[in-house]
C-alpha atoms as a PDB file:
ATOM      1  CA  MET A   1      51.993 118.709 137.926  1.00  0.00           C
ATOM      2  CA  SER A   2      50.960 115.412 136.310  1.00  0.00           C
ATOM      3  CA  ARG A   3      49.321 112.647 138.330  1.00  0.00           C
ATOM      4  CA  SER A   4      52.205 110.250 137.687  1.00  0.00           C
ATOM      5  CA  LEU A   5      54.733 112.794 138.937  1.00  0.00           C
ATOM      6  CA  LEU A   6      52.562 113.527 141.967  1.00  0.00           C
ATOM      7  CA  LYS A   7      52.331 109.824 142.792  1.00  0.00           C
ATOM      8  CA  SER A   8      56.101 109.495 142.429  1.00  0.00           C
ATOM      9  CA  CYS A   9      56.618 112.367 144.860  1.00  0.00           C
ATOM     10  CA  GLU A  10      54.173 110.843 147.325  1.00  0.00           C
ATOM     11  CA  LEU A  11      55.943 107.483 147.107  1.00  0.00           C
ATOM     12  CA  LEU A  12      59.311 109.142 147.681  1.00  0.00           C
ATOM     13  CA  ILE A  13      57.976 110.913 150.768  1.00  0.00           C
ATOM     14  CA  VAL A  14      56.546 107.666 152.165  1.00  0.00           C
ATOM     15  CA  LEU A  15      59.824 105.821 151.588  1.00  0.00           C
ATOM     16  CA  THR A  16      61.812 108.627 153.203  1.00  0.00           C
ATOM     17  CA  VAL A  17      59.572 108.720 156.272  1.00  0.00           C
ATOM     18  CA  THR A  18      59.610 104.912 156.557  1.00  0.00           C
ATOM     19  CA  THR A  19      63.408 104.781 156.314  1.00  0.00           C
ATOM     20  CA  PHE A  20      63.762 107.535 158.907  1.00  0.00           C
ATOM     21  CA  PHE A  21      61.345 105.800 161.271  1.00  0.00           C
ATOM     22  CA  PHE A  22      63.113 102.433 160.926  1.00  0.00           C
ATOM     23  CA  SER A  23      66.513 104.041 161.527  1.00  0.00           C
ATOM     24  CA  TRP A  24      65.116 105.879 164.537  1.00  0.00           C
ATOM     25  CA  CYS A  25      63.777 102.608 165.974  1.00  0.00           C
ATOM     26  CA  LEU A  26      67.178 100.970 165.579  1.00  0.00           C
ATOM     27  CA  LEU A  27      68.829 103.957 167.216  1.00  0.00           C
ATOM     28  CA  ILE A  28      66.465 103.729 170.174  1.00  0.00           C
ATOM     29  CA  ALA A  29      67.074 100.006 170.425  1.00  0.00           C
ATOM     30  CA  PHE A  30      70.859 100.118 170.292  1.00  0.00           C
ATOM     31  CA  GLU A  31      71.798 103.477 171.802  1.00  0.00           C
ATOM     32  CA  THR A  32      70.293 104.187 175.216  1.00  0.00           C
ATOM     33  CA  ASP A  33      70.921 106.273 178.279  1.00  0.00           C
ATOM     34  CA  GLY A  34      73.290 103.788 179.910  1.00  0.00           C
ATOM     35  CA  LYS A  35      70.824 102.400 182.444  1.00  0.00           C
ATOM     36  CA  SER A  36      70.447  98.632 182.601  1.00  0.00           C
ATOM     37  CA  THR A  37      66.943  97.421 181.819  1.00  0.00           C
ATOM     38  CA  ARG A  38      66.180  93.825 182.764  1.00  0.00           C
ATOM     39  CA  ASN A  39      62.419  94.169 182.878  1.00  0.00           C
ATOM     40  CA  LEU A  40      61.814  92.119 179.719  1.00  0.00           C
ATOM     41  CA  VAL A  41      62.875  88.661 180.845  1.00  0.00           C
ATOM     42  CA  GLN A  42      61.585  85.210 180.066  1.00  0.00           C
ATOM     43  CA  ARG A  43      59.251  83.676 182.597  1.00  0.00           C
ATOM     44  CA  ARG A  44      60.554  80.563 184.250  1.00  0.00           C
ATOM     45  CA  PRO A  45      58.845  77.463 182.801  1.00  0.00           C
ATOM     46  CA  LYS A  46      57.405  74.992 185.269  1.00  0.00           C
ATOM     47  CA  ASN A  47      59.938  72.442 186.555  1.00  0.00           C
ATOM     48  CA  SER A  48      62.851  74.328 184.961  1.00  0.00           C
ATOM     49  CA  LEU A  49      65.964  74.146 187.152  1.00  0.00           C
ATOM     50  CA  TYR A  50      68.529  75.979 185.028  1.00  0.00           C
ATOM     51  CA  LYS A  51      68.546  79.258 183.130  1.00  0.00           C
ATOM     52  CA  LEU A  52      70.260  79.583 179.752  1.00  0.00           C
ATOM     53  CA  GLY A  53      71.933  82.779 178.596  1.00  0.00           C
ATOM     54  CA  VAL A  54      72.203  82.908 174.800  1.00  0.00           C
ATOM     55  CA  ILE A  55      75.275  85.038 174.033  1.00  0.00           C
ATOM     56  CA  VAL A  56      75.341  86.459 170.497  1.00  0.00           C
ATOM     57  CA  PRO A  57      78.450  88.469 169.489  1.00  0.00           C
ATOM     58  CA  PHE A  58      77.253  91.147 167.103  1.00  0.00           C
ATOM     59  CA  ARG A  59      78.112  94.074 164.863  1.00  0.00           C
ATOM     60  CA  ASP A  60      76.028  95.618 162.050  1.00  0.00           C
ATOM     61  CA  ARG A  61      73.953  92.542 161.192  1.00  0.00           C
ATOM     62  CA  PHE A  62      70.437  93.841 161.769  1.00  0.00           C
ATOM     63  CA  ASP A  63      68.778  91.786 159.034  1.00  0.00           C
ATOM     64  CA  GLU A  64      70.053  88.523 160.545  1.00  0.00           C
ATOM     65  CA  LEU A  65      69.151  89.704 164.044  1.00  0.00           C
ATOM     66  CA  LEU A  66      65.517  90.409 163.184  1.00  0.00           C
ATOM     67  CA  GLU A  67      65.152  86.844 161.915  1.00  0.00           C
ATOM     68  CA  PHE A  68      67.322  85.146 164.537  1.00  0.00           C
ATOM     69  CA  VAL A  69      65.622  86.359 167.722  1.00  0.00           C
ATOM     70  CA  PRO A  70      62.000  85.308 166.972  1.00  0.00           C
ATOM     71  CA  HIS A  71      63.163  81.979 165.527  1.00  0.00           C
ATOM     72  CA  LEU A  72      65.307  81.015 168.510  1.00  0.00           C
ATOM     73  CA  GLN A  73      62.708  82.310 170.964  1.00  0.00           C
ATOM     74  CA  MET A  74      60.091  79.955 169.525  1.00  0.00           C
ATOM     75  CA  PHE A  75      62.586  77.085 169.250  1.00  0.00           C
ATOM     76  CA  LEU A  76      63.565  77.337 172.930  1.00  0.00           C
ATOM     77  CA  ASN A  77      59.988  77.855 174.102  1.00  0.00           C
ATOM     78  CA  ASN A  78      59.020  74.614 172.365  1.00  0.00           C
ATOM     79  CA  GLN A  79      61.608  72.883 174.559  1.00  0.00           C
ATOM     80  CA  SER A  80      60.483  74.767 177.704  1.00  0.00           C
ATOM     81  CA  VAL A  81      64.009  76.130 178.131  1.00  0.00           C
ATOM     82  CA  TRP A  82      64.221  79.006 180.600  1.00  0.00           C
ATOM     83  CA  HIS A  83      66.379  81.511 178.763  1.00  0.00           C
ATOM     84  CA  GLN A  84      67.357  85.068 177.955  1.00  0.00           C
ATOM     85  CA  ILE A  85      68.931  86.248 174.688  1.00  0.00           C
ATOM     86  CA  TYR A  86      71.808  88.740 174.938  1.00  0.00           C
ATOM     87  CA  ILE A  87      73.069  90.560 171.842  1.00  0.00           C
ATOM     88  CA  VAL A  88      76.584  91.803 172.625  1.00  0.00           C
ATOM     89  CA  ASN A  89      77.031  94.715 170.240  1.00  0.00           C
ATOM     90  CA  GLN A  90      80.607  95.949 169.653  1.00  0.00           C
ATOM     91  CA  ILE A  91      80.516  99.748 169.235  1.00  0.00           C
ATOM     92  CA  ASP A  92      84.228 100.674 169.320  1.00  0.00           C
ATOM     93  CA  ASP A  93      86.474 101.233 166.286  1.00  0.00           C
ATOM     94  CA  TYR A  94      88.613  98.130 166.716  1.00  0.00           C
ATOM     95  CA  ARG A  95      88.361  95.040 164.556  1.00  0.00           C
ATOM     96  CA  PHE A  96      85.624  92.608 165.509  1.00  0.00           C
ATOM     97  CA  ASN A  97      86.524  90.404 168.485  1.00  0.00           C
ATOM     98  CA  ARG A  98      83.998  87.597 168.831  1.00  0.00           C
ATOM     99  CA  ALA A  99      85.700  85.925 171.801  1.00  0.00           C
ATOM    100  CA  SER A 100      85.961  89.098 173.897  1.00  0.00           C
ATOM    101  CA  LEU A 101      82.297  89.863 173.231  1.00  0.00           C
ATOM    102  CA  ILE A 102      81.370  86.376 174.457  1.00  0.00           C
ATOM    103  CA  ASN A 103      83.443  86.984 177.600  1.00  0.00           C
ATOM    104  CA  ALA A 104      81.637  90.290 178.174  1.00  0.00           C
ATOM    105  CA  GLY A 105      78.245  88.702 177.573  1.00  0.00           C
ATOM    106  CA  PHE A 106      79.067  85.892 179.988  1.00  0.00           C
ATOM    107  CA  LEU A 107      79.985  88.331 182.772  1.00  0.00           C
ATOM    108  CA  PHE A 108      76.692  90.178 182.324  1.00  0.00           C
ATOM    109  CA  ALA A 109      74.480  87.110 181.927  1.00  0.00           C
ATOM    110  CA  THR A 110      75.852  85.312 184.982  1.00  0.00           C
ATOM    111  CA  SER A 111      75.599  88.263 187.371  1.00  0.00           C
ATOM    112  CA  GLY A 112      72.669  89.579 189.394  1.00  0.00           C
ATOM    113  CA  SER A 113      69.721  87.856 191.025  1.00  0.00           C
ATOM    114  CA  GLU A 114      68.533  86.336 187.733  1.00  0.00           C
ATOM    115  CA  SER A 115      71.957  85.001 186.749  1.00  0.00           C
ATOM    116  CA  CYS A 116      72.216  82.276 184.127  1.00  0.00           C
ATOM    117  CA  ASP A 117      73.511  78.818 184.995  1.00  0.00           C
ATOM    118  CA  TYR A 118      74.906  78.118 181.529  1.00  0.00           C
ATOM    119  CA  ILE A 119      75.412  79.887 178.230  1.00  0.00           C
ATOM    120  CA  ALA A 120      75.066  79.177 174.533  1.00  0.00           C
ATOM    121  CA  MET A 121      77.820  80.774 172.477  1.00  0.00           C
ATOM    122  CA  HIS A 122      75.646  81.372 169.427  1.00  0.00           C
ATOM    123  CA  ASP A 123      76.290  82.763 165.936  1.00  0.00           C
ATOM    124  CA  VAL A 124      73.540  85.094 164.736  1.00  0.00           C
ATOM    125  CA  ASP A 125      73.473  83.544 161.253  1.00  0.00           C
ATOM    126  CA  LEU A 126      72.909  79.929 162.319  1.00  0.00           C
ATOM    127  CA  LEU A 127      69.335  78.803 162.993  1.00  0.00           C
ATOM    128  CA  PRO A 128      68.561  75.363 164.482  1.00  0.00           C
ATOM    129  CA  LEU A 129      65.838  73.492 162.608  1.00  0.00           C
ATOM    130  CA  ASN A 130      65.647  70.087 164.292  1.00  0.00           C
ATOM    131  CA  GLN A 131      63.998  69.956 167.727  1.00  0.00           C
ATOM    132  CA  GLN A 132      66.167  66.939 168.523  1.00  0.00           C
ATOM    133  CA  LEU A 133      68.897  69.520 169.162  1.00  0.00           C
ATOM    134  CA  ARG A 134      68.367  69.958 172.886  1.00  0.00           C
ATOM    135  CA  TYR A 135      69.438  73.199 174.565  1.00  0.00           C
ATOM    136  CA  SER A 136      69.261  71.653 178.041  1.00  0.00           C
ATOM    137  CA  PHE A 137      71.858  72.111 180.790  1.00  0.00           C
ATOM    138  CA  PRO A 138      75.180  70.461 179.761  1.00  0.00           C
ATOM    139  CA  ALA A 139      75.930  68.763 183.069  1.00  0.00           C
ATOM    140  CA  ALA A 140      78.376  66.239 181.576  1.00  0.00           C
ATOM    141  CA  GLY A 141      80.506  68.888 179.876  1.00  0.00           C
ATOM    142  CA  PRO A 142      80.415  71.349 176.950  1.00  0.00           C
ATOM    143  CA  LEU A 143      77.816  70.406 174.333  1.00  0.00           C
ATOM    144  CA  HIS A 144      78.672  71.380 170.758  1.00  0.00           C
ATOM    145  CA  LEU A 145      75.333  71.481 168.952  1.00  0.00           C
ATOM    146  CA  ALA A 146      76.764  72.716 165.630  1.00  0.00           C
ATOM    147  CA  ALA A 147      78.927  69.606 165.387  1.00  0.00           C
ATOM    148  CA  PRO A 148      81.208  68.977 162.381  1.00  0.00           C
ATOM    149  CA  HIS A 149      78.889  66.233 161.103  1.00  0.00           C
ATOM    150  CA  LEU A 150      75.907  68.619 161.272  1.00  0.00           C
ATOM    151  CA  HIS A 151      77.174  72.124 160.472  1.00  0.00           C
ATOM    152  CA  PRO A 152      76.432  73.078 156.845  1.00  0.00           C
ATOM    153  CA  LYS A 153      79.902  74.540 156.257  1.00  0.00           C
ATOM    154  CA  TYR A 154      82.607  73.478 158.745  1.00  0.00           C
ATOM    155  CA  HIS A 155      83.485  69.810 159.153  1.00  0.00           C
ATOM    156  CA  TYR A 156      86.946  69.503 160.733  1.00  0.00           C
ATOM    157  CA  LYS A 157      86.997  67.442 163.918  1.00  0.00           C
ATOM    158  CA  THR A 158      88.299  70.156 166.281  1.00  0.00           C
ATOM    159  CA  PHE A 159      85.611  72.657 165.240  1.00  0.00           C
ATOM    160  CA  VAL A 160      83.593  73.972 168.224  1.00  0.00           C
ATOM    161  CA  GLY A 161      82.081  77.110 166.681  1.00  0.00           C
ATOM    162  CA  GLY A 162      78.554  77.992 165.658  1.00  0.00           C
ATOM    163  CA  ILE A 163      76.640  76.905 168.772  1.00  0.00           C
ATOM    164  CA  LEU A 164      78.300  75.640 171.951  1.00  0.00           C
ATOM    165  CA  LEU A 165      76.603  75.151 175.329  1.00  0.00           C
ATOM    166  CA  ILE A 166      78.782  75.346 178.431  1.00  0.00           C
ATOM    167  CA  SER A 167      78.025  75.674 182.133  1.00  0.00           C
ATOM    168  CA  LYS A 168      78.993  78.734 184.131  1.00  0.00           C
ATOM    169  CA  ASP A 169      81.456  76.729 186.240  1.00  0.00           C
ATOM    170  CA  HIS A 170      83.174  75.149 183.235  1.00  0.00           C
ATOM    171  CA  PHE A 171      83.537  78.483 181.425  1.00  0.00           C
ATOM    172  CA  ILE A 172      85.178  79.957 184.521  1.00  0.00           C
ATOM    173  CA  GLN A 173      87.319  76.829 184.919  1.00  0.00           C
ATOM    174  CA  VAL A 174      89.028  77.431 181.545  1.00  0.00           C
ATOM    175  CA  ASN A 175      89.153  81.227 182.096  1.00  0.00           C
ATOM    176  CA  GLY A 176      86.720  81.915 179.278  1.00  0.00           C
ATOM    177  CA  MET A 177      88.019  82.675 175.804  1.00  0.00           C
ATOM    178  CA  SER A 178      91.199  84.344 174.600  1.00  0.00           C
ATOM    179  CA  ASN A 179      91.030  88.108 173.992  1.00  0.00           C
ATOM    180  CA  LYS A 180      93.796  88.060 171.357  1.00  0.00           C
ATOM    181  CA  TYR A 181      91.662  87.241 168.317  1.00  0.00           C
ATOM    182  CA  TRP A 182      90.846  90.454 166.456  1.00  0.00           C
ATOM    183  CA  GLY A 183      89.394  89.843 163.014  1.00  0.00           C
ATOM    184  CA  TRP A 184      87.817  86.617 161.831  1.00  0.00           C
ATOM    185  CA  GLY A 185      88.793  83.056 162.694  1.00  0.00           C
ATOM    186  CA  LEU A 186      90.786  80.766 165.039  1.00  0.00           C
ATOM    187  CA  GLU A 187      89.287  81.884 168.377  1.00  0.00           C
ATOM    188  CA  ASP A 188      87.172  78.712 168.449  1.00  0.00           C
ATOM    189  CA  ASP A 189      90.208  76.548 167.704  1.00  0.00           C
ATOM    190  CA  GLU A 190      92.041  78.113 170.644  1.00  0.00           C
ATOM    191  CA  PHE A 191      88.994  77.536 172.842  1.00  0.00           C
ATOM    192  CA  TYR A 192      88.957  73.864 171.818  1.00  0.00           C
ATOM    193  CA  VAL A 193      92.510  73.543 173.171  1.00  0.00           C
ATOM    194  CA  ARG A 194      91.470  75.272 176.410  1.00  0.00           C
ATOM    195  CA  LEU A 195      88.627  72.830 176.910  1.00  0.00           C
ATOM    196  CA  LYS A 196      90.799  69.782 176.252  1.00  0.00           C
ATOM    197  CA  GLN A 197      93.659  70.996 178.451  1.00  0.00           C
ATOM    198  CA  GLY A 198      91.101  71.845 181.134  1.00  0.00           C
ATOM    199  CA  GLY A 199      90.111  68.184 181.282  1.00  0.00           C
ATOM    200  CA  LEU A 200      86.635  68.751 179.824  1.00  0.00           C
ATOM    201  CA  THR A 201      84.975  66.317 177.435  1.00  0.00           C
ATOM    202  CA  ILE A 202      83.209  67.898 174.466  1.00  0.00           C
ATOM    203  CA  HIS A 203      79.890  66.231 173.689  1.00  0.00           C
ATOM    204  CA  ARG A 204      78.029  66.320 170.375  1.00  0.00           C
ATOM    205  CA  PRO A 205      74.521  65.292 169.298  1.00  0.00           C
ATOM    206  CA  GLY A 206      74.043  61.816 167.889  1.00  0.00           C
ATOM    207  CA  ASN A 207      71.301  59.793 166.207  1.00  0.00           C
ATOM    208  CA  LEU A 208      69.552  62.807 164.708  1.00  0.00           C
ATOM    209  CA  SER A 209      67.031  62.417 161.912  1.00  0.00           C
ATOM    210  CA  THR A 210      68.764  65.196 159.938  1.00  0.00           C
ATOM    211  CA  GLY A 211      72.256  65.870 158.616  1.00  0.00           C
ATOM    212  CA  ILE A 212      74.494  68.531 157.103  1.00  0.00           C
ATOM    213  CA  ASN A 213      71.857  69.919 154.755  1.00  0.00           C
ATOM    214  CA  ASN A 214      68.831  70.213 157.022  1.00  0.00           C
ATOM    215  CA  THR A 215      69.824  70.443 160.708  1.00  0.00           C
ATOM    216  CA  PHE A 216      70.587  74.170 160.533  1.00  0.00           C
ATOM    217  CA  ARG A 217      69.985  77.097 158.248  1.00  0.00           C
ATOM    218  CA  HIS A 218      73.106  79.164 157.675  1.00  0.00           C
ATOM    219  CA  PHE A 219      72.216  82.540 156.182  1.00  0.00           C
ATOM    220  CA  HIS A 220      75.368  84.658 156.131  1.00  0.00           C
ATOM    221  CA  ASN A 221      75.065  87.488 153.622  1.00  0.00           C
ATOM    222  CA  PRO A 222      77.891  86.987 151.059  1.00  0.00           C
ATOM    223  CA  ARG A 223      78.034  90.732 150.464  1.00  0.00           C
ATOM    224  CA  ARG A 224      79.216  91.208 154.049  1.00  0.00           C
ATOM    225  CA  LYS A 225      82.946  90.585 153.796  1.00  0.00           C
ATOM    226  CA  ARG A 226      84.735  88.885 156.667  1.00  0.00           C
ATOM    227  CA  ASP A 227      87.911  90.407 158.063  1.00  0.00           C
ATOM    228  CA  TYR A 228      90.644  87.877 157.249  1.00  0.00           C
ATOM    229  CA  LEU A 229      93.503  90.385 157.451  1.00  0.00           C
ATOM    230  CA  LYS A 230      96.730  89.525 159.249  1.00  0.00           C
ATOM    231  CA  CYS A 231      99.186  92.206 160.360  1.00  0.00           C
ATOM    232  CA  PHE A 232     102.187  92.558 162.678  1.00  0.00           C
ATOM    233  CA  ASN A 233     102.898  89.097 164.199  1.00  0.00           C
ATOM    234  CA  GLN A 234      99.228  88.103 164.334  1.00  0.00           C
ATOM    235  CA  ARG A 235      99.619  84.964 162.230  1.00  0.00           C
ATOM    236  CA  GLU A 236     102.307  83.478 164.482  1.00  0.00           C
ATOM    237  CA  SER A 237     100.822  84.599 167.802  1.00  0.00           C
ATOM    238  CA  THR A 238      97.289  83.337 167.195  1.00  0.00           C
ATOM    239  CA  ARG A 239      98.559  79.865 166.301  1.00  0.00           C
ATOM    240  CA  LYS A 240      99.629  79.292 169.901  1.00  0.00           C
ATOM    241  CA  ARG A 241      97.572  78.506 172.989  1.00  0.00           C
ATOM    242  CA  ASP A 242      96.990  81.817 174.789  1.00  0.00           C
ATOM    243  CA  ARG A 243      98.019  81.505 178.442  1.00  0.00           C
ATOM    244  CA  ILE A 244      97.949  85.247 179.116  1.00  0.00           C
ATOM    245  CA  THR A 245      94.468  86.552 178.345  1.00  0.00           C
ATOM    246  CA  GLY A 246      90.992  85.330 179.150  1.00  0.00           C
ATOM    247  CA  LEU A 247      87.905  86.075 181.187  1.00  0.00           C
ATOM    248  CA  ASN A 248      89.933  87.523 184.066  1.00  0.00           C
ATOM    249  CA  THR A 249      91.892  89.959 181.856  1.00  0.00           C
ATOM    250  CA  LEU A 250      89.030  91.305 179.735  1.00  0.00           C
ATOM    251  CA  GLN A 251      89.095  95.096 179.463  1.00  0.00           C
ATOM    252  CA  TYR A 252      85.850  96.679 178.300  1.00  0.00           C
ATOM    253  CA  SER A 253      83.125  99.113 179.229  1.00  0.00           C
ATOM    254  CA  LEU A 254      79.398  98.438 179.136  1.00  0.00           C
ATOM    255  CA  VAL A 255      78.164 101.675 177.584  1.00  0.00           C
ATOM    256  CA  SER A 256      74.446 100.929 177.706  1.00  0.00           C
ATOM    257  CA  THR A 257      71.850  98.179 177.766  1.00  0.00           C
ATOM    258  CA  ARG A 258      68.388  97.923 176.309  1.00  0.00           C
ATOM    259  CA  SER A 259      65.661  95.301 176.591  1.00  0.00           C
ATOM    260  CA  PHE A 260      62.959  95.295 173.936  1.00  0.00           C
ATOM    261  CA  LEU A 261      60.709  93.048 171.871  1.00  0.00           C
ATOM    262  CA  VAL A 262      61.499  91.867 168.362  1.00  0.00           C
ATOM    263  CA  ASP A 263      58.448  91.167 166.229  1.00  0.00           C
ATOM    264  CA  HIS A 264      56.245  92.209 169.192  1.00  0.00           C
ATOM    265  CA  SER A 265      56.827  88.953 171.065  1.00  0.00           C
ATOM    266  CA  ALA A 266      60.490  87.954 171.353  1.00  0.00           C
ATOM    267  CA  PRO A 267      62.357  89.693 174.212  1.00  0.00           C
ATOM    268  CA  VAL A 268      66.044  90.427 173.792  1.00  0.00           C
ATOM    269  CA  THR A 269      68.640  92.368 175.757  1.00  0.00           C
ATOM    270  CA  VAL A 270      71.227  94.362 173.801  1.00  0.00           C
ATOM    271  CA  LEU A 271      74.541  95.167 175.475  1.00  0.00           C
ATOM    272  CA  ASN A 272      76.457  98.001 173.820  1.00  0.00           C
ATOM    273  CA  VAL A 273      80.082  97.171 174.573  1.00  0.00           C
ATOM    274  CA  ARG A 274      83.271  99.134 173.976  1.00  0.00           C
ATOM    275  CA  LEU A 275      86.306  96.860 174.016  1.00  0.00           C
ATOM    276  CA  SER A 276      89.790  97.984 175.006  1.00  0.00           C
ATOM    277  CA  CYS A 277      92.971  96.882 173.261  1.00  0.00           C
ATOM    278  CA  ASP A 278      96.447  96.452 174.710  1.00  0.00           C
ATOM    279  CA  GLU A 279      98.296  97.498 171.567  1.00  0.00           C
ATOM    280  CA  LYS A 280     101.610  96.234 172.940  1.00  0.00           C
ATOM    281  CA  LEU A 281     100.182  92.732 173.336  1.00  0.00           C
ATOM    282  CA  THR A 282      97.851  92.675 170.310  1.00  0.00           C
ATOM    283  CA  PRO A 283      98.751  95.515 167.932  1.00  0.00           C
ATOM    284  CA  TRP A 284      96.615  93.783 165.275  1.00  0.00           C
ATOM    285  CA  CYS A 285      93.413  95.087 166.880  1.00  0.00           C
ATOM    286  CA  LYS A 286      93.910  97.613 164.093  1.00  0.00           C
ATOM    287  CA  CYS A 287      95.722  96.907 160.826  1.00  0.00           C
ATOM    288  CA  PRO A 288      96.996 100.308 159.663  1.00  0.00           C
ATOM    289  CA  GLY A 289      97.384 100.767 155.942  1.00  0.00           C
ATOM    290  CA  LYS A 290      95.768  97.439 155.035  1.00  0.00           C
ATOM    291  CA  LYS A 291      92.435  97.103 153.295  1.00  0.00           C
ATOM    292  CA  PRO A 292      90.168  94.060 152.909  1.00  0.00           C
ATOM    293  CA  SER A 293      91.000  93.945 149.196  1.00  0.00           C
ATOM    294  CA  LEU A 294      94.589  93.058 150.147  1.00  0.00           C
ATOM    295  CA  GLN A 295      93.654  89.859 151.962  1.00  0.00           C
ATOM    296  CA  THR A 296      95.224  86.716 150.543  1.00  0.00           C
ATOM    297  CA  ASN A 297      93.949  83.178 150.073  1.00  0.00           C
ATOM    298  CA  LYS A 298      96.329  82.162 152.852  1.00  0.00           C
ATOM    299  CA  ASP A 299      94.598  84.628 155.187  1.00  0.00           C
ATOM    300  CA  LYS A 300      91.182  83.196 154.290  1.00  0.00           C
ATOM    301  CA  ASN A 301      92.190  79.562 154.678  1.00  0.00           C
ATOM    302  CA  GLU A 302      93.735  80.141 158.099  1.00  0.00           C
ATOM    303  CA  GLY A 303      90.389  81.272 159.453  1.00  0.00           C
ATOM    304  CA  LYS A 304      88.565  78.133 158.352  1.00  0.00           C
ATOM    305  CA  SER A 305      90.293  75.136 159.857  1.00  0.00           C
ATOM    306  CA  GLY A 306      93.522  76.356 161.369  1.00  0.00           C
ATOM    307  CA  LYS A 307      95.090  74.453 164.237  1.00  0.00           C
ATOM    308  CA  VAL A 308      96.149  76.029 167.518  1.00  0.00           C
ATOM    309  CA  SER A 309      98.610  74.251 169.774  1.00  0.00           C
END
C-alpha cells in the first residue's frame, strides 16, 4: 500500500471517528433519561432583583445554537443580568410551532424555586451586538428589543418578533401565545394584537448609536428552507385573533431535560418537548400531500408582514 493511500485511509478513519463522537455528544445533550437537571444555573449577580429566562424555540439548528449560547451568555454577563437560557427543542413529527414552544418554555422557566421573573422570547439566529440594548426587567410593559427600526430584515410597525422581553405577570395576563400557528409566520402578529387588546404598551429602544445594519447579526442559513405552506383553512383562520387557544390550553409533554455547557463555559438547559395537535381545530399541523416545493409567493409573503385582526 502506498504512503498516499495509507494517509488517505488514516484521514478517513479520523474523520469518521470525529463525526461519530460529535453526533454522540449531540445525542447525549438532546436525548436524556427524562430526569430534570437544573444543576447548571447562573449565579445571581450582586444587587440583581429579577431573573431572566431566555426562551429559544428550536429544531435542528445546531450550528446556530453553538454560536448563539456563548455569545448571549457573554452579552448578558456584561450587563450583570441574572439569567438562564432554555432551548425548547421540538421532537415530535408535527410542523414547527414557535409559539407553542415559547408557551412550554415559559411554563418551565417560571416554575420551581428558581423561577424566572420575566422572559426573553428569542430567535436563535439573531445576536445582539450593541450593549445599549438592555435586557433588564421590563417593568413598564413588553420591551421589543428587535424593533422595526433596528432589525436587519423586518421593518413593519406591528412587528414584535426576534427578541421580546415580557414579565411573567404580563405574559399570563394575555394568556401567552396562540397555539394555532403551525409552520412559519404570523404568530408574532397575533401576539401583537393580544398585547394591544390586553392594554399593554409595547416599548422599543431609542437613541442607540447603531441602526439596521449593525445593531444585530442575523445569520439564518439560506439552505434551511422555511415552512410557508398553507393547507385546509389555515390561511383564513390564522388571520384572525385567536380567542380559543393560549397558555392555558397548551397540550404537550416534556420528554426530557438536560443542562450542559456550550464551549466549556456557557450553561444552557435543553427541554425536549413533544407537542400535541387538536386536528379538528388545527388540521394544518400536518399538510398531507404538500411539499415545500409547492409553496407559492403568496404563502411566503403572508409570513413576512401579514396583519391579524
